[in-house]
N, C-alpha and C. Protein backbone atom coordinates (compact mmCIF):
# COMPACT_ATOMS: atom_id res chain seq x y z
N UNK A 1 40.80 99.65 203.87
CA UNK A 1 40.44 98.42 203.19
C UNK A 1 39.06 97.96 203.66
N UNK A 2 38.29 97.42 202.76
CA UNK A 2 36.93 96.99 203.09
C UNK A 2 36.92 95.54 203.51
N UNK A 3 35.82 95.09 204.08
CA UNK A 3 35.66 93.70 204.49
C UNK A 3 35.24 92.80 203.34
N UNK A 4 34.92 93.39 202.20
CA UNK A 4 34.47 92.60 201.06
C UNK A 4 35.62 91.81 200.46
N UNK A 5 35.29 90.72 199.78
CA UNK A 5 36.30 89.90 199.12
C UNK A 5 36.90 90.63 197.94
N UNK A 6 36.14 91.53 197.33
CA UNK A 6 36.61 92.27 196.17
C UNK A 6 37.05 93.65 196.62
N UNK A 7 38.27 94.04 196.21
CA UNK A 7 38.74 95.35 196.61
C UNK A 7 38.15 96.45 195.72
N UNK A 8 37.78 96.10 194.50
CA UNK A 8 37.16 97.07 193.60
C UNK A 8 35.66 97.14 193.86
N UNK A 9 35.14 98.33 193.98
CA UNK A 9 33.70 98.49 194.19
C UNK A 9 32.99 98.40 192.84
N UNK A 10 32.02 97.52 192.78
CA UNK A 10 31.26 97.34 191.55
C UNK A 10 29.97 98.16 191.63
N UNK A 11 29.69 98.97 190.63
CA UNK A 11 28.47 99.76 190.67
C UNK A 11 27.22 98.88 190.55
N UNK A 12 26.20 99.24 191.26
CA UNK A 12 24.93 98.51 191.18
C UNK A 12 24.08 99.17 190.10
N UNK A 13 23.87 98.46 189.02
CA UNK A 13 23.15 99.03 187.89
C UNK A 13 21.82 98.34 187.62
N UNK A 14 21.53 97.27 188.36
CA UNK A 14 20.30 96.51 188.14
C UNK A 14 19.37 96.70 189.33
N UNK A 15 18.15 97.08 189.04
CA UNK A 15 17.16 97.34 190.08
C UNK A 15 16.25 96.13 190.24
N UNK A 16 16.01 95.74 191.49
CA UNK A 16 15.08 94.67 191.81
C UNK A 16 14.09 95.22 192.82
N UNK A 17 12.83 94.96 192.61
CA UNK A 17 11.79 95.48 193.48
C UNK A 17 10.99 94.32 194.04
N UNK A 18 10.61 94.40 195.33
CA UNK A 18 9.80 93.35 195.94
C UNK A 18 8.59 93.98 196.61
N UNK A 19 7.57 93.18 196.80
CA UNK A 19 6.37 93.61 197.50
C UNK A 19 6.24 92.74 198.76
N UNK A 20 5.85 93.34 199.87
CA UNK A 20 5.63 92.63 201.12
C UNK A 20 4.19 92.81 201.56
N UNK A 21 3.65 91.79 202.22
CA UNK A 21 2.32 91.96 202.80
C UNK A 21 2.48 92.65 204.17
N UNK A 22 1.39 92.93 204.82
CA UNK A 22 1.43 93.69 206.08
C UNK A 22 2.26 92.99 207.16
N UNK A 23 2.08 91.69 207.33
CA UNK A 23 2.81 90.99 208.39
C UNK A 23 4.30 90.90 208.08
N UNK A 24 4.65 90.74 206.81
CA UNK A 24 6.06 90.72 206.43
C UNK A 24 6.70 92.08 206.69
N UNK A 25 5.99 93.13 206.39
CA UNK A 25 6.51 94.48 206.61
C UNK A 25 6.68 94.77 208.09
N UNK A 26 5.71 94.33 208.89
CA UNK A 26 5.82 94.50 210.35
C UNK A 26 7.05 93.76 210.88
N UNK A 27 7.26 92.55 210.38
CA UNK A 27 8.41 91.76 210.82
C UNK A 27 9.72 92.45 210.43
N UNK A 28 9.79 92.98 209.22
CA UNK A 28 10.98 93.69 208.77
C UNK A 28 11.21 94.94 209.62
N UNK A 29 10.14 95.69 209.87
CA UNK A 29 10.25 96.88 210.71
C UNK A 29 10.73 96.53 212.11
N UNK A 30 10.15 95.49 212.69
CA UNK A 30 10.51 95.06 214.04
C UNK A 30 11.98 94.64 214.09
N UNK A 31 12.42 93.89 213.09
CA UNK A 31 13.82 93.44 213.02
C UNK A 31 14.75 94.65 212.93
N UNK A 32 14.44 95.58 212.04
CA UNK A 32 15.28 96.76 211.84
C UNK A 32 15.34 97.62 213.10
N UNK A 33 14.22 97.74 213.80
CA UNK A 33 14.21 98.50 215.05
C UNK A 33 15.02 97.79 216.13
N UNK A 34 14.82 96.49 216.27
CA UNK A 34 15.48 95.72 217.32
C UNK A 34 17.00 95.71 217.13
N UNK A 35 17.45 95.57 215.89
CA UNK A 35 18.88 95.45 215.62
C UNK A 35 19.47 96.72 215.02
N UNK A 36 18.77 97.83 215.16
CA UNK A 36 19.19 99.15 214.67
C UNK A 36 19.79 99.11 213.27
N UNK A 37 19.03 98.51 212.36
CA UNK A 37 19.43 98.47 210.95
C UNK A 37 19.07 99.81 210.33
N UNK A 38 20.07 100.47 209.77
CA UNK A 38 19.84 101.78 209.17
C UNK A 38 19.68 101.69 207.66
N UNK A 39 20.15 100.61 207.06
CA UNK A 39 20.10 100.47 205.61
C UNK A 39 19.39 99.16 205.26
N UNK A 40 18.11 99.24 205.00
CA UNK A 40 17.32 98.05 204.69
C UNK A 40 17.75 97.39 203.39
N UNK A 41 18.08 98.20 202.41
CA UNK A 41 18.52 97.64 201.12
C UNK A 41 19.74 96.76 201.31
N UNK A 42 20.69 97.25 202.10
CA UNK A 42 21.91 96.46 202.36
C UNK A 42 21.57 95.17 203.08
N UNK A 43 20.69 95.25 204.09
CA UNK A 43 20.27 94.06 204.84
C UNK A 43 19.65 93.03 203.90
N UNK A 44 18.71 93.46 203.09
CA UNK A 44 18.01 92.54 202.19
C UNK A 44 18.97 91.97 201.16
N UNK A 45 19.83 92.82 200.60
CA UNK A 45 20.80 92.37 199.60
C UNK A 45 21.76 91.34 200.20
N UNK A 46 22.31 91.62 201.38
CA UNK A 46 23.24 90.68 202.00
C UNK A 46 22.56 89.37 202.37
N UNK A 47 21.35 89.45 202.91
CA UNK A 47 20.62 88.24 203.30
C UNK A 47 20.29 87.39 202.08
N UNK A 48 19.84 88.02 201.03
CA UNK A 48 19.53 87.32 199.79
C UNK A 48 20.76 86.64 199.21
N UNK A 49 21.85 87.38 199.10
CA UNK A 49 23.06 86.83 198.49
C UNK A 49 23.67 85.72 199.35
N UNK A 50 23.59 85.84 200.68
CA UNK A 50 24.07 84.77 201.55
C UNK A 50 23.30 83.49 201.29
N UNK A 51 21.98 83.62 201.17
CA UNK A 51 21.13 82.45 200.91
C UNK A 51 21.45 81.84 199.55
N UNK A 52 21.60 82.66 198.54
CA UNK A 52 21.90 82.17 197.19
C UNK A 52 23.25 81.46 197.16
N UNK A 53 24.27 82.07 197.74
CA UNK A 53 25.61 81.47 197.73
C UNK A 53 25.65 80.18 198.55
N UNK A 54 24.92 80.15 199.65
CA UNK A 54 24.83 78.93 200.46
C UNK A 54 24.19 77.79 199.66
N UNK A 55 23.12 78.11 198.94
CA UNK A 55 22.43 77.11 198.13
C UNK A 55 23.34 76.61 197.01
N UNK A 56 24.06 77.53 196.35
CA UNK A 56 25.02 77.12 195.31
C UNK A 56 26.06 76.17 195.89
N UNK A 57 26.54 76.49 197.08
CA UNK A 57 27.55 75.64 197.73
C UNK A 57 26.98 74.26 198.05
N UNK A 58 25.74 74.21 198.52
CA UNK A 58 25.10 72.94 198.85
C UNK A 58 24.81 72.11 197.60
N UNK A 59 24.49 72.77 196.50
CA UNK A 59 24.15 72.07 195.26
C UNK A 59 25.36 71.65 194.45
N UNK A 60 26.52 72.12 194.86
CA UNK A 60 27.74 71.79 194.13
C UNK A 60 27.98 70.29 194.20
N UNK A 61 28.26 69.65 193.05
CA UNK A 61 28.50 68.21 193.09
C UNK A 61 29.78 67.90 193.87
N UNK A 62 29.75 66.80 194.59
CA UNK A 62 30.94 66.39 195.34
C UNK A 62 31.54 65.16 194.68
N UNK A 63 32.68 64.78 195.14
CA UNK A 63 33.41 63.66 194.56
C UNK A 63 32.60 62.36 194.61
N UNK A 64 31.78 62.18 195.64
CA UNK A 64 31.06 60.92 195.84
C UNK A 64 29.60 60.96 195.40
N UNK A 65 29.18 62.01 194.71
CA UNK A 65 27.78 62.08 194.22
C UNK A 65 27.61 61.27 192.97
């Protein structure tokens, strides 16, 4: 069993490409080396989605808004 909330694996069919400047790339390289990240795509995807879901949660209207 996987750690994901969904037991079914969804295929990734949409490609997203980003560009980094030299200092951003150095920071990413340093982070990956320091924390022995072997899969940069997974790191970037997880970090991005965590940020997006956190923002959605924060923007959700509450009972007292």
